[in-house]
Amino acid sequence: MVDRGPSPEARVPVVRTLVDDLNRFPFPDDGPIGGPEAISISIMSIEIARGCTEGCRFCQAGMIYRPVRERDPQQIVDTVVNAVKKSGYDEASLTSLSTADYSCIAPLVKR
């Protein structure tokens, strides 16, 4: 017999929770560090935005994470600096669904 999960009566509806202002919830800068034998990269990943400006119908993530919300550039710089100090990583990547569409990407990268 194939297990098909809980019966329809036992299922709980999923409720979406949306953070309107990402700046109120700073990105964590003190994540755990894997040993060199566990991972082969040493890059701290920093989320700079959620959502996407394009709104392509075929992109599930772009539809789910709407609307576009961006972190404050200074908060991102502070997070990167703190993460490097606390973690021992020597590089950071700026991540989002479409990092190049971040409205302050040029000044942020220069900084």
Protein backbone atom coordinates (compact mmCIF):
# COMPACT_ATOMS: atom_id res chain seq x y z
CA MET A 1 0.00 0.00 0.00
CA VAL A 2 1.27 3.48 -0.87
CA ASP A 3 1.32 6.09 1.90
CA ARG A 4 -0.33 9.22 0.52
CA GLY A 5 0.14 11.35 3.63
CA PRO A 6 -2.52 12.59 6.01
CA SER A 7 -6.17 12.35 5.13
CA PRO A 8 -7.82 15.51 3.77
CA GLU A 9 -9.56 15.98 7.13
CA ALA A 10 -6.21 16.01 9.00
CA ARG A 11 -4.48 18.56 6.74
CA VAL A 12 -3.78 22.05 8.06
CA PRO A 13 -4.01 24.98 5.63
CA VAL A 14 -0.76 26.78 4.83
CA VAL A 15 -0.84 30.49 5.63
CA ARG A 16 1.62 32.78 3.88
CA THR A 17 3.56 35.17 6.10
CA LEU A 18 5.09 38.20 4.40
CA VAL A 19 7.82 40.39 5.85
CA ASP A 20 7.07 43.87 4.47
CA ASP A 21 10.33 45.51 5.57
CA LEU A 22 13.42 43.27 5.35
CA ASN A 23 15.45 45.90 7.21
CA ARG A 24 13.51 45.14 10.41
CA PHE A 25 14.91 41.59 10.28
CA PRO A 26 18.68 41.86 9.68
CA PHE A 27 20.29 38.99 7.82
CA PRO A 28 22.18 36.74 10.28
CA ASP A 29 25.92 37.32 10.23
CA ASP A 30 27.00 34.58 12.62
CA GLY A 31 26.13 31.34 10.86
CA PRO A 32 27.94 28.08 11.64
CA ILE A 33 31.16 27.35 9.82
CA GLY A 34 31.77 23.92 8.36
CA GLY A 35 35.19 22.38 8.60
CA PRO A 36 37.33 22.32 5.43
CA GLU A 37 36.67 18.61 5.06
CA ALA A 38 32.91 19.22 5.07
CA ILE A 39 32.75 22.04 2.53
CA SER A 40 34.98 23.14 -0.30
CA ILE A 41 34.01 26.81 -0.48
CA SER A 42 34.58 29.66 1.94
CA ILE A 43 31.99 32.21 0.90
CA MET A 44 29.38 33.79 3.18
CA SER A 45 26.07 34.19 1.33
CA ILE A 46 24.21 37.45 2.14
CA GLU A 47 20.59 37.96 1.01
CA ILE A 48 20.14 41.49 -0.36
CA ALA A 49 16.55 41.29 -1.62
CA ARG A 50 13.48 39.09 -1.97
CA GLY A 51 11.17 38.93 -4.91
CA CYS A 52 11.90 39.87 -8.51
CA THR A 53 11.12 42.89 -10.65
CA GLU A 54 10.37 40.87 -13.79
CA GLY A 55 7.29 38.87 -12.72
CA CYS A 56 7.74 36.10 -15.29
CA ARG A 57 4.78 33.72 -15.17
CA PHE A 58 6.99 30.63 -15.60
CA CYS A 59 9.16 31.44 -12.55
CA GLN A 60 7.66 29.88 -9.44
CA ALA A 61 10.05 31.66 -7.06
CA GLY A 62 9.35 35.03 -8.68
CA MET A 63 5.63 34.53 -8.15
CA ILE A 64 5.89 33.16 -4.60
CA TYR A 65 8.24 35.80 -3.20
CA ARG A 66 6.36 38.85 -4.46
CA PRO A 67 6.52 41.80 -3.96
CA VAL A 68 10.15 42.93 -4.38
CA ARG A 69 11.69 43.95 -1.06
CA GLU A 70 15.24 45.24 -0.75
CA ARG A 71 17.59 45.55 2.19
CA ASP A 72 19.19 48.90 3.00
CA PRO A 73 22.66 49.12 1.36
CA GLN A 74 24.34 50.17 4.62
CA GLN A 75 22.77 47.22 6.44
CA ILE A 76 24.18 44.90 3.77
CA VAL A 77 27.68 46.39 4.12
CA ASP A 78 27.50 46.08 7.92
CA THR A 79 26.34 42.47 7.62
CA VAL A 80 29.20 41.58 5.27
CA VAL A 81 31.80 43.23 7.54
CA ASN A 82 30.41 41.54 10.67
CA ALA A 83 30.11 38.17 8.94
CA VAL A 84 33.74 38.27 7.83
CA LYS A 85 34.87 39.25 11.36
CA LYS A 86 32.76 36.60 13.13
CA SER A 87 32.89 33.70 10.73
CA GLY A 88 36.36 33.51 9.30
CA TYR A 89 35.05 33.55 5.74
CA ASP A 90 37.14 35.73 3.47
CA GLU A 91 34.54 36.27 0.74
CA ALA A 92 30.85 37.13 0.54
CA SER A 93 28.26 36.65 -2.20
CA LEU A 94 25.28 38.96 -2.59
CA THR A 95 22.26 36.78 -3.31
CA SER A 96 18.67 37.30 -4.43
CA LEU A 97 16.46 36.06 -7.25
CA SER A 98 17.90 38.77 -9.51
CA THR A 99 20.85 40.48 -7.83
CA ALA A 100 21.59 42.70 -10.85
CA ASP A 101 18.09 44.21 -10.50
CA TYR A 102 18.83 45.44 -6.95
CA SER A 103 18.25 49.21 -7.21
CA CYS A 104 21.55 50.16 -5.49
CA ILE A 105 23.79 47.40 -6.86
CA ALA A 106 26.46 49.66 -8.42
CA PRO A 107 27.13 51.81 -5.33
CA LEU A 108 26.84 48.75 -3.08
CA VAL A 109 29.49 46.81 -5.02
CA LYS A 110 31.78 49.86 -5.11
CA ARG A 111 31.46 50.22 -1.34
